[in-house]
Amino acid sequence: MKIPLSGPTRRRAILATLRNCITYENSPYNCPVRKCRRDGCCTGPLARDTDGHIRLAAAPGDPGNTTIPVPLCWFSLSESQLANVDMALGAGIRTLDRHVHSTVIETTRAIGGRRWKRLRDEW
């Protein structure tokens, strides 16, 4: 699914860009979520780091939380992978901001394919 970077879907588009950057770093093969390893791309649940505890995020726009949700495999990346993903995410968003009608491709079918209620609330 193509998501426009401008307007109310901006946060979702940035998260889709982050998932794409994580996928290009080949981190789904080391991801703790089996679904990501099977799909070969970042399709796992979103999580938040609150006071040193990793908790699953209810939705990207979860009220009351100041931290931005990230895919669960974000917490299993090495320092060099985090640096590469951070650099690629920044470059990708800058490039997309230059074009008015830019879109990001999100693997919606793979993301919506599983309910995450069976995962523990804390990791």
PDB file of N, CA and C in Angstrom:
ATOM      1  N   MET A   1       0.844  -1.165   0.000  1.00  0.00           N
ATOM      2  CA  MET A   1       0.000   0.000   0.000  1.00  0.00           C
ATOM      3  C   MET A   1       0.893   1.232   0.000  1.00  0.00           C
ATOM      4  N   LYS A   2       0.547   2.200  -0.821  1.00  0.00           N
ATOM      5  CA  LYS A   2       1.297   3.442  -0.892  1.00  0.00           C
ATOM      6  C   LYS A   2       0.702   4.448   0.091  1.00  0.00           C
ATOM      7  N   ILE A   3       1.561   5.018   0.921  1.00  0.00           N
ATOM      8  CA  ILE A   3       1.132   5.987   1.921  1.00  0.00           C
ATOM      9  C   ILE A   3       1.766   7.325   1.597  1.00  0.00           C
ATOM     10  N   PRO A   4       0.953   8.400   1.478  1.00  0.00           N
ATOM     11  CA  PRO A   4       1.541   9.725   1.223  1.00  0.00           C
ATOM     12  C   PRO A   4       2.274  10.240   2.454  1.00  0.00           C
ATOM     13  N   LEU A   5       3.390  10.918   2.232  1.00  0.00           N
ATOM     14  CA  LEU A   5       4.195  11.423   3.335  1.00  0.00           C
ATOM     15  C   LEU A   5       3.598  12.680   3.948  1.00  0.00           C
ATOM     16  N   SER A   6       2.777  13.389   3.221  1.00  0.00           N
ATOM     17  CA  SER A   6       2.199  14.625   3.746  1.00  0.00           C
ATOM     18  C   SER A   6       0.808  14.360   4.319  1.00  0.00           C
ATOM     19  N   GLY A   7       0.375  15.241   5.190  1.00  0.00           N
ATOM     20  CA  GLY A   7      -0.972  15.145   5.742  1.00  0.00           C
ATOM     21  C   GLY A   7      -1.034  14.304   7.003  1.00  0.00           C
ATOM     22  N   PRO A   8      -2.227  13.791   7.304  1.00  0.00           N
ATOM     23  CA  PRO A   8      -2.418  13.058   8.567  1.00  0.00           C
ATOM     24  C   PRO A   8      -1.724  11.694   8.614  1.00  0.00           C
ATOM     25  N   THR A   9      -1.277  11.187   7.499  1.00  0.00           N
ATOM     26  CA  THR A   9      -0.622   9.880   7.475  1.00  0.00           C
ATOM     27  C   THR A   9       0.902   9.994   7.573  1.00  0.00           C
ATOM     28  N   ARG A  10       1.413  11.166   7.912  1.00  0.00           N
ATOM     29  CA  ARG A  10       2.861  11.387   7.954  1.00  0.00           C
ATOM     30  C   ARG A  10       3.552  10.444   8.940  1.00  0.00           C
ATOM     31  N   ARG A  11       3.001  10.296  10.148  1.00  0.00           N
ATOM     32  CA  ARG A  11       3.630   9.431  11.155  1.00  0.00           C
ATOM     33  C   ARG A  11       3.664   7.981  10.674  1.00  0.00           C
ATOM     34  N   ARG A  12       2.579   7.536  10.057  1.00  0.00           N
ATOM     35  CA  ARG A  12       2.524   6.162   9.541  1.00  0.00           C
ATOM     36  C   ARG A  12       3.535   5.970   8.417  1.00  0.00           C
ATOM     37  N   ALA A  13       3.699   7.000   7.585  1.00  0.00           N
ATOM     38  CA  ALA A  13       4.671   6.924   6.491  1.00  0.00           C
ATOM     39  C   ALA A  13       6.103   6.871   7.029  1.00  0.00           C
ATOM     40  N   ILE A  14       6.370   7.607   8.104  1.00  0.00           N
ATOM     41  CA  ILE A  14       7.709   7.580   8.697  1.00  0.00           C
ATOM     42  C   ILE A  14       7.983   6.203   9.303  1.00  0.00           C
ATOM     43  N   LEU A  15       6.975   5.612   9.956  1.00  0.00           N
ATOM     44  CA  LEU A  15       7.150   4.263  10.494  1.00  0.00           C
ATOM     45  C   LEU A  15       7.353   3.237   9.379  1.00  0.00           C
ATOM     46  N   ALA A  16       6.659   3.418   8.253  1.00  0.00           N
ATOM     47  CA  ALA A  16       6.853   2.518   7.116  1.00  0.00           C
ATOM     48  C   ALA A  16       8.265   2.668   6.551  1.00  0.00           C
ATOM     49  N   THR A  17       8.767   3.902   6.521  1.00  0.00           N
ATOM     50  CA  THR A  17      10.137   4.143   6.072  1.00  0.00           C
ATOM     51  C   THR A  17      11.130   3.484   7.024  1.00  0.00           C
ATOM     52  N   LEU A  18      10.863   3.585   8.334  1.00  0.00           N
ATOM     53  CA  LEU A  18      11.728   2.939   9.322  1.00  0.00           C
ATOM     54  C   LEU A  18      11.728   1.427   9.136  1.00  0.00           C
ATOM     55  N   ARG A  19      10.564   0.826   8.912  1.00  0.00           N
ATOM     56  CA  ARG A  19      10.492  -0.619   8.674  1.00  0.00           C
ATOM     57  C   ARG A  19      11.283  -1.006   7.421  1.00  0.00           C
ATOM     58  N   ASN A  20      11.185  -0.172   6.369  1.00  0.00           N
ATOM     59  CA  ASN A  20      11.938  -0.453   5.144  1.00  0.00           C
ATOM     60  C   ASN A  20      13.444  -0.377   5.392  1.00  0.00           C
ATOM     61  N   CYS A  21      13.885   0.614   6.169  1.00  0.00           N
ATOM     62  CA  CYS A  21      15.314   0.733   6.478  1.00  0.00           C
ATOM     63  C   CYS A  21      15.812  -0.453   7.287  1.00  0.00           C
ATOM     64  N   ILE A  22      14.996  -0.901   8.254  1.00  0.00           N
ATOM     65  CA  ILE A  22      15.375  -2.068   9.055  1.00  0.00           C
ATOM     66  C   ILE A  22      15.447  -3.314   8.175  1.00  0.00           C
ATOM     67  N   THR A  23      14.526  -3.432   7.234  1.00  0.00           N
ATOM     68  CA  THR A  23      14.532  -4.578   6.326  1.00  0.00           C
ATOM     69  C   THR A  23      15.779  -4.569   5.452  1.00  0.00           C
ATOM     70  N   TYR A  24      16.169  -3.399   4.947  1.00  0.00           N
ATOM     71  CA  TYR A  24      17.350  -3.318   4.099  1.00  0.00           C
ATOM     72  C   TYR A  24      18.629  -3.619   4.873  1.00  0.00           C
ATOM     73  N   GLU A  25      18.586  -3.495   6.197  1.00  0.00           N
ATOM     74  CA  GLU A  25      19.745  -3.799   7.035  1.00  0.00           C
ATOM     75  C   GLU A  25      19.828  -5.296   7.343  1.00  0.00           C
ATOM     76  N   ASN A  26      18.883  -6.094   6.822  1.00  0.00           N
ATOM     77  CA  ASN A  26      18.818  -7.545   7.030  1.00  0.00           C
ATOM     78  C   ASN A  26      18.608  -7.939   8.480  1.00  0.00           C
ATOM     79  N   SER A  27      18.014  -7.064   9.268  1.00  0.00           N
ATOM     80  CA  SER A  27      17.790  -7.401  10.670  1.00  0.00           C
ATOM     81  C   SER A  27      16.610  -8.343  10.897  1.00  0.00           C
ATOM     82  N   PRO A  28      15.624  -8.473   9.996  1.00  0.00           N
ATOM     83  CA  PRO A  28      14.547  -9.425  10.271  1.00  0.00           C
ATOM     84  C   PRO A  28      15.025 -10.863  10.428  1.00  0.00           C
ATOM     85  N   TYR A  29      16.188 -11.186   9.912  1.00  0.00           N
ATOM     86  CA  TYR A  29      16.686 -12.554  10.044  1.00  0.00           C
ATOM     87  C   TYR A  29      17.188 -12.834  11.463  1.00  0.00           C
ATOM     88  N   ASN A  30      17.452 -11.789  12.241  1.00  0.00           N
ATOM     89  CA  ASN A  30      17.866 -11.929  13.636  1.00  0.00           C
ATOM     90  C   ASN A  30      16.791 -11.437  14.592  1.00  0.00           C
ATOM     91  N   CYS A  31      15.618 -11.143  14.094  1.00  0.00           N
ATOM     92  CA  CYS A  31      14.536 -10.562  14.889  1.00  0.00           C
ATOM     93  C   CYS A  31      13.976 -11.599  15.869  1.00  0.00           C
ATOM     94  N   PRO A  32      13.583 -11.158  17.076  1.00  0.00           N
ATOM     95  CA  PRO A  32      12.991 -12.095  18.026  1.00  0.00           C
ATOM     96  C   PRO A  32      11.577 -12.538  17.633  1.00  0.00           C
ATOM     97  N   VAL A  33      10.969 -11.845  16.698  1.00  0.00           N
ATOM     98  CA  VAL A  33       9.618 -12.203  16.253  1.00  0.00           C
ATOM     99  C   VAL A  33       9.733 -13.166  15.072  1.00  0.00           C
ATOM    100  N   ARG A  34       9.149 -14.327  15.212  1.00  0.00           N
ATOM    101  CA  ARG A  34       9.247 -15.363  14.183  1.00  0.00           C
ATOM    102  C   ARG A  34       8.637 -14.917  12.858  1.00  0.00           C
ATOM    103  N   LYS A  35       7.557 -14.147  12.925  1.00  0.00           N
ATOM    104  CA  LYS A  35       6.876 -13.684  11.713  1.00  0.00           C
ATOM    105  C   LYS A  35       7.811 -12.851  10.829  1.00  0.00           C
ATOM    106  N   CYS A  36       8.611 -11.995  11.439  1.00  0.00           N
ATOM    107  CA  CYS A  36       9.564 -11.188  10.661  1.00  0.00           C
ATOM    108  C   CYS A  36      10.594 -12.079   9.971  1.00  0.00           C
ATOM    109  N   ARG A  37      11.071 -13.074  10.698  1.00  0.00           N
ATOM    110  CA  ARG A  37      12.053 -13.991  10.102  1.00  0.00           C
ATOM    111  C   ARG A  37      11.436 -14.754   8.943  1.00  0.00           C
ATOM    112  N   ARG A  38      10.176 -15.170   9.084  1.00  0.00           N
ATOM    113  CA  ARG A  38       9.497 -15.902   8.006  1.00  0.00           C
ATOM    114  C   ARG A  38       9.221 -15.010   6.812  1.00  0.00           C
ATOM    115  N   ASP A  39       8.734 -13.780   7.061  1.00  0.00           N
ATOM    116  CA  ASP A  39       8.386 -12.873   5.968  1.00  0.00           C
ATOM    117  C   ASP A  39       9.617 -12.316   5.262  1.00  0.00           C
ATOM    118  N   GLY A  40      10.734 -12.227   5.983  1.00  0.00           N
ATOM    119  CA  GLY A  40      11.943 -11.669   5.394  1.00  0.00           C
ATOM    120  C   GLY A  40      11.933 -10.151   5.353  1.00  0.00           C
ATOM    121  N   CYS A  41      10.965  -9.550   6.033  1.00  0.00           N
ATOM    122  CA  CYS A  41      10.908  -8.094   6.139  1.00  0.00           C
ATOM    123  C   CYS A  41      10.324  -7.730   7.497  1.00  0.00           C
ATOM    124  N   CYS A  42      10.474  -6.485   7.884  1.00  0.00           N
ATOM    125  CA  CYS A  42      10.028  -6.034   9.194  1.00  0.00           C
ATOM    126  C   CYS A  42       8.507  -5.878   9.189  1.00  0.00           C
ATOM    127  N   THR A  43       7.812  -6.836   9.813  1.00  0.00           N
ATOM    128  CA  THR A  43       6.350  -6.797   9.869  1.00  0.00           C
ATOM    129  C   THR A  43       5.832  -7.025  11.283  1.00  0.00           C
ATOM    130  N   GLY A  44       6.724  -6.984  12.261  1.00  0.00           N
ATOM    131  CA  GLY A  44       6.345  -7.275  13.638  1.00  0.00           C
ATOM    132  C   GLY A  44       5.602  -6.140  14.304  1.00  0.00           C
ATOM    133  N   PRO A  45       5.252  -6.337  15.569  1.00  0.00           N
ATOM    134  CA  PRO A  45       4.487  -5.320  16.296  1.00  0.00           C
ATOM    135  C   PRO A  45       5.352  -4.119  16.658  1.00  0.00           C
ATOM    136  N   LEU A  46       4.689  -3.024  16.974  1.00  0.00           N
ATOM    137  CA  LEU A  46       5.393  -1.834  17.433  1.00  0.00           C
ATOM    138  C   LEU A  46       5.515  -1.891  18.948  1.00  0.00           C
ATOM    139  N   ALA A  47       6.617  -1.362  19.467  1.00  0.00           N
ATOM    140  CA  ALA A  47       6.860  -1.375  20.909  1.00  0.00           C
ATOM    141  C   ALA A  47       7.399  -0.015  21.329  1.00  0.00           C
ATOM    142  N   ARG A  48       7.295   0.251  22.629  1.00  0.00           N
ATOM    143  CA  ARG A  48       7.818   1.487  23.202  1.00  0.00           C
ATOM    144  C   ARG A  48       8.759   1.142  24.351  1.00  0.00           C
ATOM    145  N   ASP A  49       9.775   1.966  24.520  1.00  0.00           N
ATOM    146  CA  ASP A  49      10.683   1.814  25.649  1.00  0.00           C
ATOM    147  C   ASP A  49      10.287   2.853  26.688  1.00  0.00           C
ATOM    148  N   THR A  50       9.644   2.409  27.767  1.00  0.00           N
ATOM    149  CA  THR A  50       9.225   3.320  28.825  1.00  0.00           C
ATOM    150  C   THR A  50       9.938   2.935  30.112  1.00  0.00           C
ATOM    151  N   ASP A  51      10.813   3.805  30.560  1.00  0.00           N
ATOM    152  CA  ASP A  51      11.555   3.606  31.804  1.00  0.00           C
ATOM    153  C   ASP A  51      12.316   2.279  31.825  1.00  0.00           C
ATOM    154  N   GLY A  52      12.910   1.912  30.731  1.00  0.00           N
ATOM    155  CA  GLY A  52      13.699   0.684  30.672  1.00  0.00           C
ATOM    156  C   GLY A  52      12.899  -0.578  30.435  1.00  0.00           C
ATOM    157  N   HIS A  53      11.569  -0.481  30.319  1.00  0.00           N
ATOM    158  CA  HIS A  53      10.716  -1.629  30.044  1.00  0.00           C
ATOM    159  C   HIS A  53      10.187  -1.511  28.624  1.00  0.00           C
ATOM    160  N   ILE A  54      10.306  -2.580  27.879  1.00  0.00           N
ATOM    161  CA  ILE A  54       9.797  -2.590  26.509  1.00  0.00           C
ATOM    162  C   ILE A  54       8.373  -3.114  26.550  1.00  0.00           C
ATOM    163  N   ARG A  55       7.437  -2.292  26.100  1.00  0.00           N
ATOM    164  CA  ARG A  55       6.023  -2.662  26.107  1.00  0.00           C
ATOM    165  C   ARG A  55       5.464  -2.536  24.689  1.00  0.00           C
ATOM    166  N   LEU A  56       4.535  -3.400  24.358  1.00  0.00           N
ATOM    167  CA  LEU A  56       3.890  -3.317  23.054  1.00  0.00           C
ATOM    168  C   LEU A  56       3.032  -2.064  22.990  1.00  0.00           C
ATOM    169  N   ALA A  57       3.053  -1.401  21.852  1.00  0.00           N
ATOM    170  CA  ALA A  57       2.244  -0.204  21.654  1.00  0.00           C
ATOM    171  C   ALA A  57       0.883  -0.618  21.124  1.00  0.00           C
ATOM    172  N   ALA A  58      -0.150   0.010  21.640  1.00  0.00           N
ATOM    173  CA  ALA A  58      -1.509  -0.321  21.192  1.00  0.00           C
ATOM    174  C   ALA A  58      -1.730   0.146  19.765  1.00  0.00           C
ATOM    175  N   ALA A  59      -1.244   1.326  19.447  1.00  0.00           N
ATOM    176  CA  ALA A  59      -1.405   1.894  18.106  1.00  0.00           C
ATOM    177  C   ALA A  59      -0.318   2.939  17.908  1.00  0.00           C
ATOM    178  N   PRO A  60      -0.034   3.326  16.663  1.00  0.00           N
ATOM    179  CA  PRO A  60       0.994   4.342  16.440  1.00  0.00           C
ATOM    180  C   PRO A  60       0.684   5.665  17.136  1.00  0.00           C
ATOM    181  N   GLY A  61      -0.579   6.007  17.304  1.00  0.00           N
ATOM    182  CA  GLY A  61      -0.955   7.251  17.946  1.00  0.00           C
ATOM    183  C   GLY A  61      -1.416   7.050  19.374  1.00  0.00           C
ATOM    184  N   ASP A  62      -0.774   6.151  20.108  1.00  0.00           N
ATOM    185  CA  ASP A  62      -1.149   5.839  21.482  1.00  0.00           C
ATOM    186  C   ASP A  62      -1.151   7.110  22.336  1.00  0.00           C
ATOM    187  N   PRO A  63      -2.282   7.491  22.953  1.00  0.00           N
ATOM    188  CA  PRO A  63      -2.296   8.711  23.763  1.00  0.00           C
ATOM    189  C   PRO A  63      -1.567   8.509  25.087  1.00  0.00           C
ATOM    190  N   GLY A  64      -1.015   9.584  25.612  1.00  0.00           N
ATOM    191  CA  GLY A  64      -0.373   9.521  26.912  1.00  0.00           C
ATOM    192  C   GLY A  64       1.082   9.104  26.882  1.00  0.00           C
ATOM    193  N   ASN A  65       1.608   8.676  25.768  1.00  0.00           N
ATOM    194  CA  ASN A  65       3.011   8.274  25.675  1.00  0.00           C
ATOM    195  C   ASN A  65       3.784   9.307  24.881  1.00  0.00           C
ATOM    196  N   THR A  66       4.953   9.655  25.371  1.00  0.00           N
ATOM    197  CA  THR A  66       5.772  10.638  24.674  1.00  0.00           C
ATOM    198  C   THR A  66       6.788   9.981  23.748  1.00  0.00           C
ATOM    199  N   THR A  67       7.036   8.695  23.932  1.00  0.00           N
ATOM    200  CA  THR A  67       7.996   8.008  23.076  1.00  0.00           C
ATOM    201  C   THR A  67       7.322   7.522  21.797  1.00  0.00           C
ATOM    202  N   ILE A  68       8.078   7.491  20.739  1.00  0.00           N
ATOM    203  CA  ILE A  68       7.568   7.054  19.447  1.00  0.00           C
ATOM    204  C   ILE A  68       7.680   5.539  19.376  1.00  0.00           C
ATOM    205  N   PRO A  69       6.620   4.855  18.922  1.00  0.00           N
ATOM    206  CA  PRO A  69       6.733   3.396  18.813  1.00  0.00           C
ATOM    207  C   PRO A  69       7.663   3.005  17.674  1.00  0.00           C
ATOM    208  N   VAL A  70       8.418   1.952  17.905  1.00  0.00           N
ATOM    209  CA  VAL A  70       9.340   1.424  16.896  1.00  0.00           C
ATOM    210  C   VAL A  70       9.083  -0.067  16.771  1.00  0.00           C
ATOM    211  N   PRO A  71       9.466  -0.668  15.652  1.00  0.00           N
ATOM    212  CA  PRO A  71       9.320  -2.122  15.529  1.00  0.00           C
ATOM    213  C   PRO A  71      10.126  -2.844  16.609  1.00  0.00           C
ATOM    214  N   LEU A  72       9.659  -3.992  16.995  1.00  0.00           N
ATOM    215  CA  LEU A  72      10.276  -4.749  18.091  1.00  0.00           C
ATOM    216  C   LEU A  72      11.722  -5.123  17.791  1.00  0.00           C
ATOM    217  N   CYS A  73      12.040  -5.352  16.528  1.00  0.00           N
ATOM    218  CA  CYS A  73      13.412  -5.734  16.189  1.00  0.00           C
ATOM    219  C   CYS A  73      14.404  -4.580  16.369  1.00  0.00           C
ATOM    220  N   TRP A  74      13.907  -3.359  16.534  1.00  0.00           N
ATOM    221  CA  TRP A  74      14.762  -2.199  16.772  1.00  0.00           C
ATOM    222  C   TRP A  74      15.633  -2.423  18.013  1.00  0.00           C
ATOM    223  N   PHE A  75      15.071  -3.089  19.021  1.00  0.00           N
ATOM    224  CA  PHE A  75      15.774  -3.294  20.273  1.00  0.00           C
ATOM    225  C   PHE A  75      16.813  -4.410  20.188  1.00  0.00           C
ATOM    226  N   SER A  76      16.817  -5.166  19.106  1.00  0.00           N
ATOM    227  CA  SER A  76      17.805  -6.240  18.955  1.00  0.00           C
ATOM    228  C   SER A  76      18.899  -5.880  17.946  1.00  0.00           C
ATOM    229  N   LEU A  77      18.899  -4.652  17.435  1.00  0.00           N
ATOM    230  CA  LEU A  77      19.918  -4.234  16.471  1.00  0.00           C
ATOM    231  C   LEU A  77      21.238  -3.938  17.171  1.00  0.00           C
ATOM    232  N   SER A  78      22.326  -4.183  16.472  1.00  0.00           N
ATOM    233  CA  SER A  78      23.645  -3.849  17.013  1.00  0.00           C
ATOM    234  C   SER A  78      23.892  -2.352  16.836  1.00  0.00           C
ATOM    235  N   GLU A  79      24.968  -1.863  17.431  1.00  0.00           N
ATOM    236  CA  GLU A  79      25.303  -0.435  17.347  1.00  0.00           C
ATOM    237  C   GLU A  79      25.519  -0.002  15.894  1.00  0.00           C
ATOM    238  N   SER A  80      26.224  -0.822  15.123  1.00  0.00           N
ATOM    239  CA  SER A  80      26.489  -0.455  13.730  1.00  0.00           C
ATOM    240  C   SER A  80      25.205  -0.489  12.898  1.00  0.00           C
ATOM    241  N   GLN A  81      24.337  -1.471  13.173  1.00  0.00           N
ATOM    242  CA  GLN A  81      23.062  -1.518  12.460  1.00  0.00           C
ATOM    243  C   GLN A  81      22.186  -0.323  12.814  1.00  0.00           C
ATOM    244  N   LEU A  82      22.161   0.066  14.098  1.00  0.00           N
ATOM    245  CA  LEU A  82      21.395   1.252  14.504  1.00  0.00           C
ATOM    246  C   LEU A  82      21.903   2.501  13.800  1.00  0.00           C
ATOM    247  N   ALA A  83      23.216   2.626  13.693  1.00  0.00           N
ATOM    248  CA  ALA A  83      23.798   3.784  13.011  1.00  0.00           C
ATOM    249  C   ALA A  83      23.403   3.786  11.528  1.00  0.00           C
ATOM    250  N   ASN A  84      23.464   2.623  10.886  1.00  0.00           N
ATOM    251  CA  ASN A  84      23.093   2.531   9.473  1.00  0.00           C
ATOM    252  C   ASN A  84      21.614   2.830   9.250  1.00  0.00           C
ATOM    253  N   VAL A  85      20.748   2.279  10.122  1.00  0.00           N
ATOM    254  CA  VAL A  85      19.310   2.523   9.992  1.00  0.00           C
ATOM    255  C   VAL A  85      19.000   3.987  10.235  1.00  0.00           C
ATOM    256  N   ASP A  86      19.636   4.593  11.242  1.00  0.00           N
ATOM    257  CA  ASP A  86      19.410   5.998  11.542  1.00  0.00           C
ATOM    258  C   ASP A  86      19.835   6.891  10.377  1.00  0.00           C
ATOM    259  N   MET A  87      20.988   6.588   9.784  1.00  0.00           N
ATOM    260  CA  MET A  87      21.474   7.361   8.642  1.00  0.00           C
ATOM    261  C   MET A  87      20.546   7.201   7.438  1.00  0.00           C
ATOM    262  N   ALA A  88      20.114   5.959   7.171  1.00  0.00           N
ATOM    263  CA  ALA A  88      19.229   5.712   6.029  1.00  0.00           C
ATOM    264  C   ALA A  88      17.856   6.341   6.236  1.00  0.00           C
ATOM    265  N   LEU A  89      17.344   6.297   7.469  1.00  0.00           N
ATOM    266  CA  LEU A  89      16.042   6.902   7.757  1.00  0.00           C
ATOM    267  C   LEU A  89      16.093   8.411   7.548  1.00  0.00           C
ATOM    268  N   GLY A  90      17.133   9.053   8.063  1.00  0.00           N
ATOM    269  CA  GLY A  90      17.275  10.498   7.877  1.00  0.00           C
ATOM    270  C   GLY A  90      17.390  10.883   6.411  1.00  0.00           C
ATOM    271  N   ALA A  91      18.197  10.149   5.669  1.00  0.00           N
ATOM    272  CA  ALA A  91      18.361  10.434   4.237  1.00  0.00           C
ATOM    273  C   ALA A  91      17.069  10.172   3.471  1.00  0.00           C
ATOM    274  N   GLY A  92      16.372   9.098   3.835  1.00  0.00           N
ATOM    275  CA  GLY A  92      15.115   8.777   3.156  1.00  0.00           C
ATOM    276  C   GLY A  92      14.040   9.827   3.383  1.00  0.00           C
ATOM    277  N   ILE A  93      13.911  10.291   4.613  1.00  0.00           N
ATOM    278  CA  ILE A  93      12.887  11.299   4.910  1.00  0.00           C
ATOM    279  C   ILE A  93      13.238  12.630   4.262  1.00  0.00           C
ATOM    280  N   ARG A  94      14.525  13.004   4.271  1.00  0.00           N
ATOM    281  CA  ARG A  94      14.923  14.246   3.590  1.00  0.00           C
ATOM    282  C   ARG A  94      14.618  14.174   2.097  1.00  0.00           C
ATOM    283  N   THR A  95      14.883  13.036   1.487  1.00  0.00           N
ATOM    284  CA  THR A  95      14.613  12.858   0.065  1.00  0.00           C
ATOM    285  C   THR A  95      13.117  12.917  -0.216  1.00  0.00           C
ATOM    286  N   LEU A  96      12.316  12.253   0.616  1.00  0.00           N
ATOM    287  CA  LEU A  96      10.865  12.258   0.419  1.00  0.00           C
ATOM    288  C   LEU A  96      10.253  13.629   0.666  1.00  0.00           C
ATOM    289  N   ASP A  97      10.834  14.415   1.581  1.00  0.00           N
ATOM    290  CA  ASP A  97      10.317  15.759   1.863  1.00  0.00           C
ATOM    291  C   ASP A  97      10.516  16.717   0.692  1.00  0.00           C
ATOM    292  N   ARG A  98      11.501  16.439  -0.142  1.00  0.00           N
ATOM    293  CA  ARG A  98      11.761  17.318  -1.290  1.00  0.00           C
ATOM    294  C   ARG A  98      10.656  17.253  -2.344  1.00  0.00           C
ATOM    295  N   HIS A  99       9.960  16.123  -2.424  1.00  0.00           N
ATOM    296  CA  HIS A  99       8.924  15.935  -3.426  1.00  0.00           C
ATOM    297  C   HIS A  99       7.554  16.061  -2.769  1.00  0.00           C
ATOM    298  N   VAL A 100       6.685  16.840  -3.367  1.00  0.00           N
ATOM    299  CA  VAL A 100       5.377  17.135  -2.780  1.00  0.00           C
ATOM    300  C   VAL A 100       4.491  15.895  -2.727  1.00  0.00           C
ATOM    301  N   HIS A 101       4.488  15.111  -3.763  1.00  0.00           N
ATOM    302  CA  HIS A 101       3.583  13.963  -3.856  1.00  0.00           C
ATOM    303  C   HIS A 101       4.307  12.632  -3.642  1.00  0.00           C
ATOM    304  N   SER A 102       5.262  12.611  -2.733  1.00  0.00           N
ATOM    305  CA  SER A 102       6.004  11.379  -2.498  1.00  0.00           C
ATOM    306  C   SER A 102       5.183  10.398  -1.659  1.00  0.00           C
ATOM    307  N   THR A 103       5.407   9.117  -1.903  1.00  0.00           N
ATOM    308  CA  THR A 103       4.710   8.060  -1.169  1.00  0.00           C
ATOM    309  C   THR A 103       5.721   7.034  -0.670  1.00  0.00           C
ATOM    310  N   VAL A 104       5.312   6.296   0.359  1.00  0.00           N
ATOM    311  CA  VAL A 104       6.128   5.228   0.926  1.00  0.00           C
ATOM    312  C   VAL A 104       5.334   3.940   0.800  1.00  0.00           C
ATOM    313  N   ILE A 105       6.002   2.862   0.448  1.00  0.00           N
ATOM    314  CA  ILE A 105       5.316   1.575   0.323  1.00  0.00           C
ATOM    315  C   ILE A 105       5.368   0.857   1.662  1.00  0.00           C
ATOM    316  N   GLU A 106       4.192   0.449   2.145  1.00  0.00           N
ATOM    317  CA  GLU A 106       4.074  -0.286   3.402  1.00  0.00           C
ATOM    318  C   GLU A 106       3.547  -1.684   3.091  1.00  0.00           C
ATOM    319  N   THR A 107       4.102  -2.677   3.748  1.00  0.00           N
ATOM    320  CA  THR A 107       3.665  -4.060   3.538  1.00  0.00           C
ATOM    321  C   THR A 107       2.435  -4.319   4.405  1.00  0.00           C
ATOM    322  N   THR A 108       1.330  -3.697   4.053  1.00  0.00           N
ATOM    323  CA  THR A 108       0.116  -3.746   4.863  1.00  0.00           C
ATOM    324  C   THR A 108      -0.416  -5.152   5.015  1.00  0.00           C
ATOM    325  N   ARG A 109      -0.385  -5.915   3.963  1.00  0.00           N
ATOM    326  CA  ARG A 109      -0.924  -7.272   4.025  1.00  0.00           C
ATOM    327  C   ARG A 109      -0.157  -8.120   5.035  1.00  0.00           C
ATOM    328  N   ALA A 110       1.152  -7.997   5.019  1.00  0.00           N
ATOM    329  CA  ALA A 110       1.967  -8.777   5.947  1.00  0.00           C
ATOM    330  C   ALA A 110       1.825  -8.272   7.373  1.00  0.00           C
ATOM    331  N   ILE A 111       1.693  -6.954   7.578  1.00  0.00           N
ATOM    332  CA  ILE A 111       1.578  -6.397   8.921  1.00  0.00           C
ATOM    333  C   ILE A 111       0.238  -6.762   9.542  1.00  0.00           C
ATOM    334  N   GLY A 112      -0.831  -6.692   8.776  1.00  0.00           N
ATOM    335  CA  GLY A 112      -2.156  -6.976   9.309  1.00  0.00           C
ATOM    336  C   GLY A 112      -2.492  -8.441   9.378  1.00  0.00           C
ATOM    337  N   GLY A 113      -1.563  -9.304   9.072  1.00  0.00           N
ATOM    338  CA  GLY A 113      -1.845 -10.722   9.000  1.00  0.00           C
ATOM    339  C   GLY A 113      -1.884 -11.455  10.327  1.00  0.00           C
ATOM    340  N   ARG A 114      -1.506 -10.822  11.422  1.00  0.00           N
ATOM    341  CA  ARG A 114      -1.446 -11.512  12.703  1.00  0.00           C
ATOM    342  C   ARG A 114      -1.890 -10.570  13.822  1.00  0.00           C
ATOM    343  N   ARG A 115      -2.579 -11.128  14.801  1.00  0.00           N
ATOM    344  CA  ARG A 115      -2.929 -10.372  16.000  1.00  0.00           C
ATOM    345  C   ARG A 115      -1.823 -10.580  17.029  1.00  0.00           C
ATOM    346  N   TRP A 116      -1.460  -9.520  17.728  1.00  0.00           N
ATOM    347  CA  TRP A 116      -0.316  -9.582  18.628  1.00  0.00           C
ATOM    348  C   TRP A 116      -0.724  -9.725  20.081  1.00  0.00           C
ATOM    349  N   LYS A 117      -1.933 -10.130  20.356  1.00  0.00           N
ATOM    350  CA  LYS A 117      -2.366 -10.248  21.749  1.00  0.00           C
ATOM    351  C   LYS A 117      -1.675 -11.399  22.477  1.00  0.00           C
ATOM    352  N   ARG A 118      -1.107 -12.336  21.770  1.00  0.00           N
ATOM    353  CA  ARG A 118      -0.441 -13.474  22.414  1.00  0.00           C
ATOM    354  C   ARG A 118       0.956 -13.140  22.896  1.00  0.00           C
ATOM    355  N   LEU A 119       1.523 -12.049  22.433  1.00  0.00           N
ATOM    356  CA  LEU A 119       2.851 -11.657  22.898  1.00  0.00           C
ATOM    357  C   LEU A 119       2.743 -11.118  24.324  1.00  0.00           C
ATOM    358  N   ARG A 120       3.782 -11.310  25.080  1.00  0.00           N
ATOM    359  CA  ARG A 120       3.777 -10.776  26.434  1.00  0.00           C
ATOM    360  C   ARG A 120       3.790  -9.263  26.384  1.00  0.00           C
ATOM    361  N   ASP A 121       3.263  -8.637  27.444  1.00  0.00           N
ATOM    362  CA  ASP A 121       3.195  -7.188  27.511  1.00  0.00           C
ATOM    363  C   ASP A 121       4.580  -6.589  27.761  1.00  0.00           C
ATOM    364  N   GLU A 122       5.436  -7.299  28.458  1.00  0.00           N
ATOM    365  CA  GLU A 122       6.788  -6.810  28.728  1.00  0.00           C
ATOM    366  C   GLU A 122       7.800  -7.794  28.184  1.00  0.00           C
ATOM    367  N   TRP A 123       8.939  -7.276  27.724  1.00  0.00           N
ATOM    368  CA  TRP A 123      10.004  -8.136  27.201  1.00  0.00           C
ATOM    369  C   TRP A 123      11.222  -7.973  28.044  1.00  0.00           C
TER     370      TRP A 123
END
